[in-house]
Amino acid sequence: MFYGAMVWDPWLIISQIVCPQCLYYLMLGIFMSVLVGARVSCLSLVYFFDLSILTDLTASSWLAIAVFLLSSIAG
């Protein structure tokens, strides 16, 4: 039997939710700064959270799509 299998631990559940999200956004930031940051003059949070960046179909939008795919694989 595993330790704590019979005990409901809310801190463990919360940490298991928060840790993968932190890993995802950390990898997203690293990949975004390396790949997209080299092509744009000012890298901002718009590239992270705005859907219109991904629908422009420019070279930086294709790199942003690749960044999202790489960060999801890395997580």
PDB file of N, CA and C in Angstrom:
ATOM      1  N   MET A   1       0.837  -1.176   0.000  1.00  0.00           N
ATOM      2  CA  MET A   1       0.000   0.000   0.000  1.00  0.00           C
ATOM      3  C   MET A   1       0.884   1.241   0.000  1.00  0.00           C
ATOM      4  N   PHE A   2       0.501   2.228  -0.772  1.00  0.00           N
ATOM      5  CA  PHE A   2       1.259   3.466  -0.858  1.00  0.00           C
ATOM      6  C   PHE A   2       0.990   4.349   0.352  1.00  0.00           C
ATOM      7  N   TYR A   3       1.978   5.137   0.691  1.00  0.00           N
ATOM      8  CA  TYR A   3       1.820   6.062   1.802  1.00  0.00           C
ATOM      9  C   TYR A   3       0.785   7.132   1.444  1.00  0.00           C
ATOM     10  N   GLY A   4      -0.188   7.298   2.307  1.00  0.00           N
ATOM     11  CA  GLY A   4      -1.203   8.316   2.114  1.00  0.00           C
ATOM     12  C   GLY A   4      -2.269   7.951   1.116  1.00  0.00           C
ATOM     13  N   ALA A   5      -2.371   6.688   0.751  1.00  0.00           N
ATOM     14  CA  ALA A   5      -3.368   6.291  -0.235  1.00  0.00           C
ATOM     15  C   ALA A   5      -4.781   6.410   0.321  1.00  0.00           C
ATOM     16  N   MET A   6      -4.930   6.297   1.586  1.00  0.00           N
ATOM     17  CA  MET A   6      -6.254   6.375   2.197  1.00  0.00           C
ATOM     18  C   MET A   6      -6.569   7.775   2.726  1.00  0.00           C
ATOM     19  N   VAL A   7      -5.639   8.697   2.625  1.00  0.00           N
ATOM     20  CA  VAL A   7      -5.816  10.029   3.170  1.00  0.00           C
ATOM     21  C   VAL A   7      -5.962  11.021   2.020  1.00  0.00           C
ATOM     22  N   TRP A   8      -6.973  11.870   2.111  1.00  0.00           N
ATOM     23  CA  TRP A   8      -7.174  12.917   1.123  1.00  0.00           C
ATOM     24  C   TRP A   8      -6.292  14.093   1.500  1.00  0.00           C
ATOM     25  N   ASP A   9      -5.354  14.429   0.623  1.00  0.00           N
ATOM     26  CA  ASP A   9      -4.383  15.474   0.912  1.00  0.00           C
ATOM     27  C   ASP A   9      -4.573  16.622  -0.081  1.00  0.00           C
ATOM     28  N   PRO A  10      -5.235  17.704   0.330  1.00  0.00           N
ATOM     29  CA  PRO A  10      -5.486  18.797  -0.625  1.00  0.00           C
ATOM     30  C   PRO A  10      -4.212  19.512  -1.063  1.00  0.00           C
ATOM     31  N   TRP A  11      -3.194  19.601  -0.203  1.00  0.00           N
ATOM     32  CA  TRP A  11      -1.944  20.267  -0.589  1.00  0.00           C
ATOM     33  C   TRP A  11      -1.214  19.477  -1.669  1.00  0.00           C
ATOM     34  N   LEU A  12      -1.289  18.169  -1.604  1.00  0.00           N
ATOM     35  CA  LEU A  12      -0.679  17.337  -2.640  1.00  0.00           C
ATOM     36  C   LEU A  12      -1.398  17.522  -3.966  1.00  0.00           C
ATOM     37  N   ILE A  13      -2.717  17.588  -3.939  1.00  0.00           N
ATOM     38  CA  ILE A  13      -3.494  17.778  -5.161  1.00  0.00           C
ATOM     39  C   ILE A  13      -3.196  19.144  -5.776  1.00  0.00           C
ATOM     40  N   ILE A  14      -3.157  20.175  -4.938  1.00  0.00           N
ATOM     41  CA  ILE A  14      -2.875  21.524  -5.440  1.00  0.00           C
ATOM     42  C   ILE A  14      -1.464  21.610  -6.012  1.00  0.00           C
ATOM     43  N   SER A  15      -0.508  20.990  -5.344  1.00  0.00           N
ATOM     44  CA  SER A  15       0.864  21.029  -5.856  1.00  0.00           C
ATOM     45  C   SER A  15       1.006  20.238  -7.148  1.00  0.00           C
ATOM     46  N   GLN A  16       0.233  19.164  -7.291  1.00  0.00           N
ATOM     47  CA  GLN A  16       0.273  18.402  -8.532  1.00  0.00           C
ATOM     48  C   GLN A  16      -0.403  19.135  -9.677  1.00  0.00           C
ATOM     49  N   ILE A  17      -1.233  20.099  -9.397  1.00  0.00           N
ATOM     50  CA  ILE A  17      -1.827  20.936 -10.434  1.00  0.00           C
ATOM     51  C   ILE A  17      -0.898  22.099 -10.780  1.00  0.00           C
ATOM     52  N   VAL A  18      -0.303  22.704  -9.762  1.00  0.00           N
ATOM     53  CA  VAL A  18       0.507  23.908  -9.961  1.00  0.00           C
ATOM     54  C   VAL A  18       1.864  23.592 -10.606  1.00  0.00           C
ATOM     55  N   CYS A  19       2.494  22.510 -10.220  1.00  0.00           N
ATOM     56  CA  CYS A  19       3.836  22.195 -10.731  1.00  0.00           C
ATOM     57  C   CYS A  19       3.884  21.993 -12.248  1.00  0.00           C
ATOM     58  N   PRO A  20       2.975  21.214 -12.855  1.00  0.00           N
ATOM     59  CA  PRO A  20       3.028  21.118 -14.326  1.00  0.00           C
ATOM     60  C   PRO A  20       2.721  22.434 -15.034  1.00  0.00           C
ATOM     61  N   GLN A  21       1.846  23.258 -14.439  1.00  0.00           N
ATOM     62  CA  GLN A  21       1.583  24.553 -15.055  1.00  0.00           C
ATOM     63  C   GLN A  21       2.818  25.443 -15.006  1.00  0.00           C
ATOM     64  N   CYS A  22       3.523  25.420 -13.896  1.00  0.00           N
ATOM     65  CA  CYS A  22       4.759  26.211 -13.792  1.00  0.00           C
ATOM     66  C   CYS A  22       5.808  25.704 -14.777  1.00  0.00           C
ATOM     67  N   LEU A  23       5.924  24.404 -14.917  1.00  0.00           N
ATOM     68  CA  LEU A  23       6.868  23.837 -15.877  1.00  0.00           C
ATOM     69  C   LEU A  23       6.503  24.226 -17.298  1.00  0.00           C
ATOM     70  N   TYR A  24       5.214  24.189 -17.624  1.00  0.00           N
ATOM     71  CA  TYR A  24       4.773  24.552 -18.970  1.00  0.00           C
ATOM     72  C   TYR A  24       5.099  26.006 -19.286  1.00  0.00           C
ATOM     73  N   TYR A  25       4.754  26.922 -18.374  1.00  0.00           N
ATOM     74  CA  TYR A  25       4.997  28.335 -18.641  1.00  0.00           C
ATOM     75  C   TYR A  25       6.474  28.688 -18.584  1.00  0.00           C
ATOM     76  N   LEU A  26       7.249  27.975 -17.809  1.00  0.00           N
ATOM     77  CA  LEU A  26       8.699  28.184 -17.802  1.00  0.00           C
ATOM     78  C   LEU A  26       9.299  27.787 -19.143  1.00  0.00           C
ATOM     79  N   MET A  27       8.923  26.624 -19.648  1.00  0.00           N
ATOM     80  CA  MET A  27       9.433  26.190 -20.948  1.00  0.00           C
ATOM     81  C   MET A  27       8.905  27.080 -22.068  1.00  0.00           C
ATOM     82  N   LEU A  28       7.661  27.530 -21.950  1.00  0.00           N
ATOM     83  CA  LEU A  28       7.103  28.436 -22.947  1.00  0.00           C
ATOM     84  C   LEU A  28       7.879  29.745 -22.979  1.00  0.00           C
ATOM     85  N   GLY A  29       8.226  30.272 -21.824  1.00  0.00           N
ATOM     86  CA  GLY A  29       8.992  31.509 -21.769  1.00  0.00           C
ATOM     87  C   GLY A  29      10.391  31.355 -22.324  1.00  0.00           C
ATOM     88  N   ILE A  30      11.026  30.234 -22.027  1.00  0.00           N
ATOM     89  CA  ILE A  30      12.381  30.007 -22.542  1.00  0.00           C
ATOM     90  C   ILE A  30      12.370  29.866 -24.062  1.00  0.00           C
ATOM     91  N   PHE A  31      11.475  29.029 -24.567  1.00  0.00           N
ATOM     92  CA  PHE A  31      11.406  28.842 -26.019  1.00  0.00           C
ATOM     93  C   PHE A  31      10.962  30.118 -26.728  1.00  0.00           C
ATOM     94  N   MET A  32      10.023  30.853 -26.125  1.00  0.00           N
ATOM     95  CA  MET A  32       9.532  32.074 -26.746  1.00  0.00           C
ATOM     96  C   MET A  32      10.632  33.130 -26.803  1.00  0.00           C
ATOM     97  N   SER A  33      11.413  33.241 -25.751  1.00  0.00           N
ATOM     98  CA  SER A  33      12.480  34.247 -25.770  1.00  0.00           C
ATOM     99  C   SER A  33      13.584  33.879 -26.748  1.00  0.00           C
ATOM    100  N   VAL A  34      13.846  32.604 -26.927  1.00  0.00           N
ATOM    101  CA  VAL A  34      14.906  32.193 -27.853  1.00  0.00           C
ATOM    102  C   VAL A  34      14.443  32.280 -29.309  1.00  0.00           C
ATOM    103  N   LEU A  35      13.285  31.715 -29.605  1.00  0.00           N
ATOM    104  CA  LEU A  35      12.860  31.640 -30.999  1.00  0.00           C
ATOM    105  C   LEU A  35      12.172  32.911 -31.493  1.00  0.00           C
ATOM    106  N   VAL A  36      11.187  33.377 -30.750  1.00  0.00           N
ATOM    107  CA  VAL A  36      10.433  34.541 -31.216  1.00  0.00           C
ATOM    108  C   VAL A  36      11.131  35.833 -30.822  1.00  0.00           C
ATOM    109  N   GLY A  37      11.794  35.855 -29.696  1.00  0.00           N
ATOM    110  CA  GLY A  37      12.462  37.063 -29.234  1.00  0.00           C
ATOM    111  C   GLY A  37      13.557  37.541 -30.161  1.00  0.00           C
ATOM    112  N   ALA A  38      14.121  36.631 -30.933  1.00  0.00           N
ATOM    113  CA  ALA A  38      15.160  37.020 -31.887  1.00  0.00           C
ATOM    114  C   ALA A  38      14.573  37.704 -33.123  1.00  0.00           C
ATOM    115  N   ARG A  39      13.289  37.503 -33.386  1.00  0.00           N
ATOM    116  CA  ARG A  39      12.686  38.053 -34.603  1.00  0.00           C
ATOM    117  C   ARG A  39      11.873  39.314 -34.380  1.00  0.00           C
ATOM    118  N   VAL A  40      11.370  39.517 -33.171  1.00  0.00           N
ATOM    119  CA  VAL A  40      10.529  40.691 -32.921  1.00  0.00           C
ATOM    120  C   VAL A  40      11.329  41.729 -32.139  1.00  0.00           C
ATOM    121  N   SER A  41      10.893  42.985 -32.255  1.00  0.00           N
ATOM    122  CA  SER A  41      11.629  44.047 -31.565  1.00  0.00           C
ATOM    123  C   SER A  41      11.296  44.108 -30.084  1.00  0.00           C
ATOM    124  N   CYS A  42      10.060  43.799 -29.712  1.00  0.00           N
ATOM    125  CA  CYS A  42       9.649  43.882 -28.309  1.00  0.00           C
ATOM    126  C   CYS A  42       8.791  42.659 -27.982  1.00  0.00           C
ATOM    127  N   LEU A  43       9.344  41.742 -27.244  1.00  0.00           N
ATOM    128  CA  LEU A  43       8.612  40.546 -26.843  1.00  0.00           C
ATOM    129  C   LEU A  43       7.763  40.875 -25.621  1.00  0.00           C
ATOM    130  N   SER A  44       6.460  40.676 -25.717  1.00  0.00           N
ATOM    131  CA  SER A  44       5.566  40.999 -24.617  1.00  0.00           C
ATOM    132  C   SER A  44       4.646  39.813 -24.342  1.00  0.00           C
ATOM    133  N   LEU A  45       3.783  39.984 -23.372  1.00  0.00           N
ATOM    134  CA  LEU A  45       2.847  38.923 -23.011  1.00  0.00           C
ATOM    135  C   LEU A  45       1.779  38.684 -24.064  1.00  0.00           C
ATOM    136  N   VAL A  46       1.696  39.559 -25.043  1.00  0.00           N
ATOM    137  CA  VAL A  46       0.755  39.363 -26.139  1.00  0.00           C
ATOM    138  C   VAL A  46       1.080  38.071 -26.885  1.00  0.00           C
ATOM    139  N   TYR A  47       2.340  37.768 -27.032  1.00  0.00           N
ATOM    140  CA  TYR A  47       2.746  36.551 -27.726  1.00  0.00           C
ATOM    141  C   TYR A  47       2.390  35.298 -26.932  1.00  0.00           C
ATOM    142  N   PHE A  48       2.216  35.430 -25.637  1.00  0.00           N
ATOM    143  CA  PHE A  48       1.864  34.287 -24.808  1.00  0.00           C
ATOM    144  C   PHE A  48       0.362  34.020 -24.797  1.00  0.00           C
ATOM    145  N   PHE A  49      -0.458  35.076 -24.759  1.00  0.00           N
ATOM    146  CA  PHE A  49      -1.866  34.898 -24.438  1.00  0.00           C
ATOM    147  C   PHE A  49      -2.852  35.387 -25.486  1.00  0.00           C
ATOM    148  N   ASP A  50      -2.410  36.014 -26.562  1.00  0.00           N
ATOM    149  CA  ASP A  50      -3.336  36.561 -27.554  1.00  0.00           C
ATOM    150  C   ASP A  50      -3.413  35.635 -28.765  1.00  0.00           C
ATOM    151  N   LEU A  51      -4.628  35.267 -29.124  1.00  0.00           N
ATOM    152  CA  LEU A  51      -4.833  34.348 -30.238  1.00  0.00           C
ATOM    153  C   LEU A  51      -4.565  35.012 -31.587  1.00  0.00           C
ATOM    154  N   SER A  52      -4.691  36.321 -31.649  1.00  0.00           N
ATOM    155  CA  SER A  52      -4.495  37.002 -32.933  1.00  0.00           C
ATOM    156  C   SER A  52      -3.049  36.914 -33.422  1.00  0.00           C
ATOM    157  N   ILE A  53      -2.115  36.695 -32.541  1.00  0.00           N
ATOM    158  CA  ILE A  53      -0.719  36.509 -32.946  1.00  0.00           C
ATOM    159  C   ILE A  53      -0.575  35.233 -33.770  1.00  0.00           C
ATOM    160  N   LEU A  54      -1.325  34.213 -33.412  1.00  0.00           N
ATOM    161  CA  LEU A  54      -1.202  32.930 -34.093  1.00  0.00           C
ATOM    162  C   LEU A  54      -1.947  32.885 -35.416  1.00  0.00           C
ATOM    163  N   THR A  55      -2.848  33.817 -35.665  1.00  0.00           N
ATOM    164  CA  THR A  55      -3.633  33.792 -36.891  1.00  0.00           C
ATOM    165  C   THR A  55      -3.131  34.762 -37.954  1.00  0.00           C
ATOM    166  N   ASP A  56      -2.035  35.471 -37.716  1.00  0.00           N
ATOM    167  CA  ASP A  56      -1.506  36.417 -38.705  1.00  0.00           C
ATOM    168  C   ASP A  56      -0.813  35.724 -39.876  1.00  0.00           C
ATOM    169  N   LEU A  57      -0.275  34.540 -39.639  1.00  0.00           N
ATOM    170  CA  LEU A  57       0.463  33.755 -40.630  1.00  0.00           C
ATOM    171  C   LEU A  57       1.689  34.491 -41.169  1.00  0.00           C
ATOM    172  N   THR A  58       2.441  35.069 -40.263  1.00  0.00           N
ATOM    173  CA  THR A  58       3.738  35.641 -40.586  1.00  0.00           C
ATOM    174  C   THR A  58       4.808  34.685 -40.060  1.00  0.00           C
ATOM    175  N   ALA A  59       6.049  35.049 -40.283  1.00  0.00           N
ATOM    176  CA  ALA A  59       7.133  34.173 -39.819  1.00  0.00           C
ATOM    177  C   ALA A  59       7.162  34.091 -38.291  1.00  0.00           C
ATOM    178  N   SER A  60       6.896  35.202 -37.619  1.00  0.00           N
ATOM    179  CA  SER A  60       6.895  35.160 -36.156  1.00  0.00           C
ATOM    180  C   SER A  60       5.698  34.391 -35.616  1.00  0.00           C
ATOM    181  N   SER A  61       4.580  34.390 -36.322  1.00  0.00           N
ATOM    182  CA  SER A  61       3.442  33.607 -35.853  1.00  0.00           C
ATOM    183  C   SER A  61       3.696  32.111 -36.029  1.00  0.00           C
ATOM    184  N   TRP A  62       4.379  31.722 -37.109  1.00  0.00           N
ATOM    185  CA  TRP A  62       4.733  30.308 -37.268  1.00  0.00           C
ATOM    186  C   TRP A  62       5.719  29.866 -36.191  1.00  0.00           C
ATOM    187  N   LEU A  63       6.627  30.750 -35.816  1.00  0.00           N
ATOM    188  CA  LEU A  63       7.547  30.433 -34.727  1.00  0.00           C
ATOM    189  C   LEU A  63       6.809  30.337 -33.391  1.00  0.00           C
ATOM    190  N   ALA A  64       5.810  31.188 -33.190  1.00  0.00           N
ATOM    191  CA  ALA A  64       5.022  31.122 -31.958  1.00  0.00           C
ATOM    192  C   ALA A  64       4.236  29.820 -31.884  1.00  0.00           C
ATOM    193  N   ILE A  65       3.715  29.367 -33.017  1.00  0.00           N
ATOM    194  CA  ILE A  65       3.020  28.076 -33.053  1.00  0.00           C
ATOM    195  C   ILE A  65       3.997  26.953 -32.718  1.00  0.00           C
ATOM    196  N   ALA A  66       5.197  27.019 -33.275  1.00  0.00           N
ATOM    197  CA  ALA A  66       6.214  26.003 -32.982  1.00  0.00           C
ATOM    198  C   ALA A  66       6.606  26.035 -31.507  1.00  0.00           C
ATOM    199  N   VAL A  67       6.656  27.233 -30.921  1.00  0.00           N
ATOM    200  CA  VAL A  67       6.995  27.357 -29.501  1.00  0.00           C
ATOM    201  C   VAL A  67       5.935  26.687 -28.640  1.00  0.00           C
ATOM    202  N   PHE A  68       4.666  26.892 -28.963  1.00  0.00           N
ATOM    203  CA  PHE A  68       3.610  26.256 -28.191  1.00  0.00           C
ATOM    204  C   PHE A  68       3.668  24.733 -28.307  1.00  0.00           C
ATOM    205  N   LEU A  69       3.976  24.244 -29.488  1.00  0.00           N
ATOM    206  CA  LEU A  69       4.104  22.795 -29.662  1.00  0.00           C
ATOM    207  C   LEU A  69       5.316  22.242 -28.913  1.00  0.00           C
ATOM    208  N   LEU A  70       6.441  22.944 -28.984  1.00  0.00           N
ATOM    209  CA  LEU A  70       7.656  22.496 -28.266  1.00  0.00           C
ATOM    210  C   LEU A  70       7.464  22.505 -26.763  1.00  0.00           C
ATOM    211  N   SER A  71       6.803  23.523 -26.253  1.00  0.00           N
ATOM    212  CA  SER A  71       6.625  23.584 -24.801  1.00  0.00           C
ATOM    213  C   SER A  71       5.637  22.537 -24.317  1.00  0.00           C
ATOM    214  N   SER A  72       4.666  22.178 -25.136  1.00  0.00           N
ATOM    215  CA  SER A  72       3.753  21.120 -24.713  1.00  0.00           C
ATOM    216  C   SER A  72       4.433  19.757 -24.755  1.00  0.00           C
ATOM    217  N   ILE A  73       5.364  19.565 -25.676  1.00  0.00           N
ATOM    218  CA  ILE A  73       6.114  18.314 -25.726  1.00  0.00           C
ATOM    219  C   ILE A  73       7.118  18.248 -24.583  1.00  0.00           C
ATOM    220  N   ALA A  74       7.753  19.379 -24.264  1.00  0.00           N
ATOM    221  CA  ALA A  74       8.753  19.409 -23.207  1.00  0.00           C
ATOM    222  C   ALA A  74       8.159  19.160 -21.825  1.00  0.00           C
ATOM    223  N   GLY A  75       6.893  19.529 -21.661  1.00  0.00           N
ATOM    224  CA  GLY A  75       6.247  19.332 -20.356  1.00  0.00           C
ATOM    225  C   GLY A  75       5.935  17.891 -20.130  1.00  0.00           C
TER     226      GLY A  75
END
